[in-house]
């Protein structure tokens, strides 16, 4: 991967700054090295649907299409490695042993879409939020940060757009879970006070 990194350009984005836009020519691939990004699609009626959140280690824009299928902007300050699509493609062609690992990164975008379809299925607000919190805890743990406190730098509106709920419903559900002492809302995130109960709700 060091050889691949040598082809990259290190770039930084301030919070709310755009990495790329849905429908633009897909001329680059990004690997997040720090920060959190939001992935979203603009629906025909103008509504925003968040399809996922990018964390350090995620590759974005890997789907080999002519144009980006979604937009990405920074939730927090973001650092990334930017690869020109042509150089990236040539490198992969010359290093077939990397294909499996890079394929795993590429399928992450598809996995996000599949998880989103499941999450937006026939679940109530509490089940959706519980699933989201468990998922974020697992993702942070894979980055070497296992904790009962889950970092949530995104806004309540972002979470609502991701879960297909209103911001009022998301806020009420956070409050409901906190009153039942399943979570505790803390600055920058939530503490999972009763992880077992939250997992039971998420598995419903």
C-alpha atoms as a PDB file:
ATOM      1  CA  UNK A   1       0.000   0.000   0.000  1.00  0.00           C
ATOM      2  CA  UNK A   2       3.000   2.333   0.389  1.00  0.00           C
ATOM      3  CA  UNK A   3       3.508   2.293  -3.370  1.00  0.00           C
ATOM      4  CA  UNK A   4      -0.118   3.283  -3.818  1.00  0.00           C
ATOM      5  CA  UNK A   5       0.234   6.030  -1.238  1.00  0.00           C
ATOM      6  CA  UNK A   6       3.138   7.459  -3.248  1.00  0.00           C
ATOM      7  CA  UNK A   7       0.648   8.226  -6.022  1.00  0.00           C
ATOM      8  CA  UNK A   8      -1.602  10.198  -3.713  1.00  0.00           C
ATOM      9  CA  UNK A   9      -1.986  13.859  -2.949  1.00  0.00           C
ATOM     10  CA  UNK A  10      -2.687  14.754   0.665  1.00  0.00           C
ATOM     11  CA  UNK A  11      -5.672  17.076   0.896  1.00  0.00           C
ATOM     12  CA  UNK A  12      -7.624  18.668   3.735  1.00  0.00           C
ATOM     13  CA  UNK A  13     -11.197  19.896   3.966  1.00  0.00           C
ATOM     14  CA  UNK A  14     -12.776  22.168   6.541  1.00  0.00           C
ATOM     15  CA  UNK A  15     -16.047  21.135   8.171  1.00  0.00           C
ATOM     16  CA  UNK A  16     -18.945  21.437   5.672  1.00  0.00           C
ATOM     17  CA  UNK A  17     -16.520  21.620   2.722  1.00  0.00           C
ATOM     18  CA  UNK A  18     -17.328  19.361  -0.238  1.00  0.00           C
ATOM     19  CA  UNK A  19     -15.064  16.520  -1.393  1.00  0.00           C
ATOM     20  CA  UNK A  20     -17.091  15.722  -4.497  1.00  0.00           C
ATOM     21  CA  UNK A  21     -20.599  16.153  -5.869  1.00  0.00           C
ATOM     22  CA  UNK A  22     -23.149  13.665  -7.167  1.00  0.00           C
ATOM     23  CA  UNK A  23     -23.158  13.680 -10.972  1.00  0.00           C
ATOM     24  CA  UNK A  24     -19.674  15.161 -11.364  1.00  0.00           C
ATOM     25  CA  UNK A  25     -17.082  13.321 -13.442  1.00  0.00           C
ATOM     26  CA  UNK A  26     -15.550  10.691 -11.152  1.00  0.00           C
ATOM     27  CA  UNK A  27     -11.937  11.696 -11.686  1.00  0.00           C
ATOM     28  CA  UNK A  28     -10.557  10.859  -8.236  1.00  0.00           C
ATOM     29  CA  UNK A  29     -10.659   8.353  -5.388  1.00  0.00           C
ATOM     30  CA  UNK A  30     -10.308   9.446  -1.764  1.00  0.00           C
ATOM     31  CA  UNK A  31      -9.006   7.564   1.260  1.00  0.00           C
ATOM     32  CA  UNK A  32      -9.934   9.234   4.535  1.00  0.00           C
ATOM     33  CA  UNK A  33      -7.074   9.497   7.018  1.00  0.00           C
ATOM     34  CA  UNK A  34      -8.821  11.561   9.696  1.00  0.00           C
ATOM     35  CA  UNK A  35     -12.186  13.105  10.409  1.00  0.00           C
ATOM     36  CA  UNK A  36     -15.737  12.157   9.513  1.00  0.00           C
ATOM     37  CA  UNK A  37     -17.548  12.729   6.202  1.00  0.00           C
ATOM     38  CA  UNK A  38     -21.186  12.384   5.204  1.00  0.00           C
ATOM     39  CA  UNK A  39     -22.309  10.630   2.001  1.00  0.00           C
ATOM     40  CA  UNK A  40     -25.637  11.718   0.570  1.00  0.00           C
ATOM     41  CA  UNK A  41     -27.849  11.757  -2.480  1.00  0.00           C
ATOM     42  CA  UNK A  42     -30.144  14.543  -3.601  1.00  0.00           C
ATOM     43  CA  UNK A  43     -33.518  13.098  -4.514  1.00  0.00           C
ATOM     44  CA  UNK A  44     -35.506  14.280  -7.567  1.00  0.00           C
ATOM     45  CA  UNK A  45     -37.747  16.368  -5.296  1.00  0.00           C
ATOM     46  CA  UNK A  46     -34.732  18.109  -3.763  1.00  0.00           C
ATOM     47  CA  UNK A  47     -34.704  16.213  -0.467  1.00  0.00           C
ATOM     48  CA  UNK A  48     -31.389  14.994   0.929  1.00  0.00           C
ATOM     49  CA  UNK A  49     -30.927  11.329   1.831  1.00  0.00           C
ATOM     50  CA  UNK A  50     -27.762  10.546   3.762  1.00  0.00           C
ATOM     51  CA  UNK A  51     -26.550   7.095   2.749  1.00  0.00           C
ATOM     52  CA  UNK A  52     -23.640   6.765   5.137  1.00  0.00           C
ATOM     53  CA  UNK A  53     -20.802   8.323   7.094  1.00  0.00           C
ATOM     54  CA  UNK A  54     -17.159   7.939   6.132  1.00  0.00           C
ATOM     55  CA  UNK A  55     -14.592   7.292   8.862  1.00  0.00           C
ATOM     56  CA  UNK A  56     -10.779   7.096   8.715  1.00  0.00           C
ATOM     57  CA  UNK A  57      -9.671   4.199   6.521  1.00  0.00           C
ATOM     58  CA  UNK A  58     -12.706   4.366   4.238  1.00  0.00           C
ATOM     59  CA  UNK A  59     -12.214   4.726   0.497  1.00  0.00           C
ATOM     60  CA  UNK A  60     -14.751   6.938  -1.263  1.00  0.00           C
ATOM     61  CA  UNK A  61     -15.480   7.092  -4.970  1.00  0.00           C
ATOM     62  CA  UNK A  62     -14.132   3.618  -5.745  1.00  0.00           C
ATOM     63  CA  UNK A  63     -17.138   2.450  -7.741  1.00  0.00           C
ATOM     64  CA  UNK A  64     -15.842   2.418 -11.293  1.00  0.00           C
ATOM     65  CA  UNK A  65     -18.413   4.723 -12.843  1.00  0.00           C
ATOM     66  CA  UNK A  66     -18.020   7.746 -15.087  1.00  0.00           C
ATOM     67  CA  UNK A  67     -19.778   9.970 -12.565  1.00  0.00           C
ATOM     68  CA  UNK A  68     -20.105   9.996  -8.801  1.00  0.00           C
ATOM     69  CA  UNK A  69     -23.311   8.385  -7.572  1.00  0.00           C
ATOM     70  CA  UNK A  70     -23.489  10.511  -4.412  1.00  0.00           C
ATOM     71  CA  UNK A  71     -22.017  13.638  -2.849  1.00  0.00           C
ATOM     72  CA  UNK A  72     -19.560  13.767   0.040  1.00  0.00           C
ATOM     73  CA  UNK A  73     -18.805  16.621   2.377  1.00  0.00           C
ATOM     74  CA  UNK A  74     -16.924  16.962   5.629  1.00  0.00           C
ATOM     75  CA  UNK A  75     -18.738  16.726   8.963  1.00  0.00           C
ATOM     76  CA  UNK A  76     -15.563  17.599  10.855  1.00  0.00           C
ATOM     77  CA  UNK A  77     -12.226  18.729   9.492  1.00  0.00           C
ATOM     78  CA  UNK A  78     -11.154  15.924   7.171  1.00  0.00           C
ATOM     79  CA  UNK A  79      -7.775  14.808   5.853  1.00  0.00           C
ATOM     80  CA  UNK A  80      -7.559  12.410   2.940  1.00  0.00           C
ATOM     81  CA  UNK A  81      -5.324  10.932   0.285  1.00  0.00           C
ATOM     82  CA  UNK A  82      -6.570  11.838  -3.181  1.00  0.00           C
ATOM     83  CA  UNK A  83      -5.755   9.544  -6.101  1.00  0.00           C
ATOM     84  CA  UNK A  84      -6.288  10.554  -9.713  1.00  0.00           C
ATOM     85  CA  UNK A  85      -8.618   7.932 -11.190  1.00  0.00           C
ATOM     86  CA  UNK A  86      -6.307   7.161 -14.133  1.00  0.00           C
ATOM     87  CA  UNK A  87      -3.206   6.660 -11.971  1.00  0.00           C
ATOM     88  CA  UNK A  88      -5.201   4.595  -9.495  1.00  0.00           C
ATOM     89  CA  UNK A  89      -6.590   2.334 -12.231  1.00  0.00           C
ATOM     90  CA  UNK A  90      -3.170   1.826 -13.794  1.00  0.00           C
ATOM     91  CA  UNK A  91      -1.652   0.964 -10.428  1.00  0.00           C
ATOM     92  CA  UNK A  92      -4.306  -1.644  -9.730  1.00  0.00           C
ATOM     93  CA  UNK A  93      -3.790  -3.166 -13.192  1.00  0.00           C
ATOM     94  CA  UNK A  94      -0.053  -3.475 -12.475  1.00  0.00           C
ATOM     95  CA  UNK A  95      -0.501  -4.901  -8.958  1.00  0.00           C
ATOM     96  CA  UNK A  96      -3.111  -7.675  -9.117  1.00  0.00           C
ATOM     97  CA  UNK A  97      -2.195  -8.912  -5.625  1.00  0.00           C
ATOM     98  CA  UNK A  98      -3.860  -5.790  -4.224  1.00  0.00           C
ATOM     99  CA  UNK A  99      -7.126  -6.420  -5.999  1.00  0.00           C
ATOM    100  CA  UNK A 100      -8.726  -8.389  -3.163  1.00  0.00           C
ATOM    101  CA  UNK A 101      -8.031  -5.738  -0.556  1.00  0.00           C
ATOM    102  CA  UNK A 102      -9.094  -2.894  -2.822  1.00  0.00           C
ATOM    103  CA  UNK A 103     -12.196  -4.842  -3.802  1.00  0.00           C
ATOM    104  CA  UNK A 104     -13.150  -4.931  -0.123  1.00  0.00           C
ATOM    105  CA  UNK A 105     -12.897  -1.156  -0.010  1.00  0.00           C
ATOM    106  CA  UNK A 106     -14.901  -0.836  -3.221  1.00  0.00           C
ATOM    107  CA  UNK A 107     -17.726  -2.995  -1.929  1.00  0.00           C
ATOM    108  CA  UNK A 108     -17.991  -0.806   1.165  1.00  0.00           C
ATOM    109  CA  UNK A 109     -20.096   1.657  -0.841  1.00  0.00           C
ATOM    110  CA  UNK A 110     -22.459  -1.157  -1.839  1.00  0.00           C
ATOM    111  CA  UNK A 111     -22.592  -2.388   1.747  1.00  0.00           C
ATOM    112  CA  UNK A 112     -23.582   1.099   2.901  1.00  0.00           C
ATOM    113  CA  UNK A 113     -26.494   1.072   0.486  1.00  0.00           C
ATOM    114  CA  UNK A 114     -27.579  -2.416   1.573  1.00  0.00           C
ATOM    115  CA  UNK A 115     -27.362  -1.512   5.264  1.00  0.00           C
ATOM    116  CA  UNK A 116     -29.358   1.622   4.583  1.00  0.00           C
ATOM    117  CA  UNK A 117     -32.137  -0.364   2.891  1.00  0.00           C
ATOM    118  CA  UNK A 118     -32.332  -2.691   5.903  1.00  0.00           C
ATOM    119  CA  UNK A 119     -32.247   0.188   8.373  1.00  0.00           C
ATOM    120  CA  UNK A 120     -35.041   2.052   6.613  1.00  0.00           C
ATOM    121  CA  UNK A 121     -37.212  -1.047   6.437  1.00  0.00           C
ATOM    122  CA  UNK A 122     -40.087  -1.831   8.742  1.00  0.00           C
ATOM    123  CA  UNK A 123     -38.469  -0.615  11.945  1.00  0.00           C
ATOM    124  CA  UNK A 124     -39.645   1.962  14.435  1.00  0.00           C
ATOM    125  CA  UNK A 125     -37.611   5.007  15.421  1.00  0.00           C
ATOM    126  CA  UNK A 126     -36.156   3.406  18.557  1.00  0.00           C
ATOM    127  CA  UNK A 127     -34.958   0.339  16.627  1.00  0.00           C
ATOM    128  CA  UNK A 128     -33.427   2.508  13.916  1.00  0.00           C
ATOM    129  CA  UNK A 129     -31.536   4.708  16.357  1.00  0.00           C
ATOM    130  CA  UNK A 130     -30.347   1.722  18.402  1.00  0.00           C
ATOM    131  CA  UNK A 131     -29.035   0.052  15.230  1.00  0.00           C
ATOM    132  CA  UNK A 132     -27.260   3.239  14.238  1.00  0.00           C
ATOM    133  CA  UNK A 133     -25.559   3.597  17.625  1.00  0.00           C
ATOM    134  CA  UNK A 134     -24.443  -0.036  17.675  1.00  0.00           C
ATOM    135  CA  UNK A 135     -23.120   0.276  14.126  1.00  0.00           C
ATOM    136  CA  UNK A 136     -21.138   3.413  14.924  1.00  0.00           C
ATOM    137  CA  UNK A 137     -19.702   1.798  18.049  1.00  0.00           C
ATOM    138  CA  UNK A 138     -18.545  -1.201  15.998  1.00  0.00           C
ATOM    139  CA  UNK A 139     -17.007   0.998  13.319  1.00  0.00           C
ATOM    140  CA  UNK A 140     -15.059   3.072  15.833  1.00  0.00           C
ATOM    141  CA  UNK A 141     -13.932  -0.143  17.556  1.00  0.00           C
ATOM    142  CA  UNK A 142     -12.464  -1.421  14.268  1.00  0.00           C
ATOM    143  CA  UNK A 143     -10.336   1.719  14.231  1.00  0.00           C
ATOM    144  CA  UNK A 144      -8.904   0.755  17.600  1.00  0.00           C
ATOM    145  CA  UNK A 145     -11.221   2.912  19.666  1.00  0.00           C
ATOM    146  CA  UNK A 146     -13.514   0.472  21.537  1.00  0.00           C
ATOM    147  CA  UNK A 147     -15.487   2.401  24.118  1.00  0.00           C
ATOM    148  CA  UNK A 148     -18.883   2.631  25.738  1.00  0.00           C
ATOM    149  CA  UNK A 149     -18.857   6.264  24.605  1.00  0.00           C
ATOM    150  CA  UNK A 150     -19.722   6.589  20.923  1.00  0.00           C
ATOM    151  CA  UNK A 151     -18.428   9.662  19.132  1.00  0.00           C
ATOM    152  CA  UNK A 152     -21.189  11.320  17.081  1.00  0.00           C
ATOM    153  CA  UNK A 153     -19.806  14.452  15.409  1.00  0.00           C
ATOM    154  CA  UNK A 154     -22.712  14.603  12.970  1.00  0.00           C
ATOM    155  CA  UNK A 155     -25.771  16.724  13.735  1.00  0.00           C
ATOM    156  CA  UNK A 156     -29.166  15.437  14.831  1.00  0.00           C
ATOM    157  CA  UNK A 157     -30.425  16.528  11.398  1.00  0.00           C
ATOM    158  CA  UNK A 158     -27.756  14.347   9.750  1.00  0.00           C
ATOM    159  CA  UNK A 159     -28.848  11.371  11.850  1.00  0.00           C
ATOM    160  CA  UNK A 160     -32.485  12.075  10.987  1.00  0.00           C
ATOM    161  CA  UNK A 161     -31.706  12.223   7.255  1.00  0.00           C
ATOM    162  CA  UNK A 162     -29.776   8.967   7.518  1.00  0.00           C
ATOM    163  CA  UNK A 163     -32.506   7.136   9.405  1.00  0.00           C
ATOM    164  CA  UNK A 164     -35.404   8.503   7.374  1.00  0.00           C
ATOM    165  CA  UNK A 165     -36.890  10.265  10.407  1.00  0.00           C
ATOM    166  CA  UNK A 166     -37.661  13.841  11.385  1.00  0.00           C
ATOM    167  CA  UNK A 167     -35.227  15.689  13.614  1.00  0.00           C
ATOM    168  CA  UNK A 168     -37.988  15.977  16.237  1.00  0.00           C
ATOM    169  CA  UNK A 169     -38.417  12.182  16.278  1.00  0.00           C
ATOM    170  CA  UNK A 170     -34.672  11.636  16.592  1.00  0.00           C
ATOM    171  CA  UNK A 171     -34.443  14.100  19.497  1.00  0.00           C
ATOM    172  CA  UNK A 172     -37.412  12.490  21.277  1.00  0.00           C
ATOM    173  CA  UNK A 173     -35.907   9.034  20.811  1.00  0.00           C
ATOM    174  CA  UNK A 174     -32.549  10.099  22.243  1.00  0.00           C
ATOM    175  CA  UNK A 175     -34.419  11.555  25.223  1.00  0.00           C
ATOM    176  CA  UNK A 176     -36.524   8.410  25.624  1.00  0.00           C
ATOM    177  CA  UNK A 177     -33.477   6.120  25.637  1.00  0.00           C
ATOM    178  CA  UNK A 178     -31.719   8.420  28.092  1.00  0.00           C
ATOM    179  CA  UNK A 179     -34.693   8.470  30.479  1.00  0.00           C
ATOM    180  CA  UNK A 180     -34.709   4.659  30.445  1.00  0.00           C
ATOM    181  CA  UNK A 181     -30.976   4.780  31.303  1.00  0.00           C
ATOM    182  CA  UNK A 182     -30.010   2.880  28.163  1.00  0.00           C
ATOM    183  CA  UNK A 183     -27.799   5.727  26.985  1.00  0.00           C
ATOM    184  CA  UNK A 184     -26.495   8.980  28.409  1.00  0.00           C
ATOM    185  CA  UNK A 185     -26.101  11.954  26.098  1.00  0.00           C
ATOM    186  CA  UNK A 186     -22.633  13.477  26.564  1.00  0.00           C
ATOM    187  CA  UNK A 187     -20.760  16.229  24.696  1.00  0.00           C
ATOM    188  CA  UNK A 188     -19.866  14.969  21.226  1.00  0.00           C
ATOM    189  CA  UNK A 189     -21.727  11.692  21.464  1.00  0.00           C
ATOM    190  CA  UNK A 190     -23.484   9.216  23.732  1.00  0.00           C
ATOM    191  CA  UNK A 191     -22.439   6.801  26.464  1.00  0.00           C
ATOM    192  CA  UNK A 192     -23.967   3.343  26.155  1.00  0.00           C
ATOM    193  CA  UNK A 193     -25.089   2.768  29.728  1.00  0.00           C
ATOM    194  CA  UNK A 194     -26.921  -0.497  29.023  1.00  0.00           C
ATOM    195  CA  UNK A 195     -25.301  -1.964  25.936  1.00  0.00           C
ATOM    196  CA  UNK A 196     -27.089  -5.300  26.213  1.00  0.00           C
ATOM    197  CA  UNK A 197     -30.508  -3.630  26.215  1.00  0.00           C
ATOM    198  CA  UNK A 198     -29.542  -1.430  23.274  1.00  0.00           C
ATOM    199  CA  UNK A 199     -28.403  -4.490  21.315  1.00  0.00           C
ATOM    200  CA  UNK A 200     -31.722  -6.179  22.056  1.00  0.00           C
ATOM    201  CA  UNK A 201     -33.597  -3.193  20.675  1.00  0.00           C
ATOM    202  CA  UNK A 202     -31.360  -3.077  17.579  1.00  0.00           C
ATOM    203  CA  UNK A 203     -31.895  -6.782  16.914  1.00  0.00           C
ATOM    204  CA  UNK A 204     -35.704  -6.498  16.994  1.00  0.00           C
END
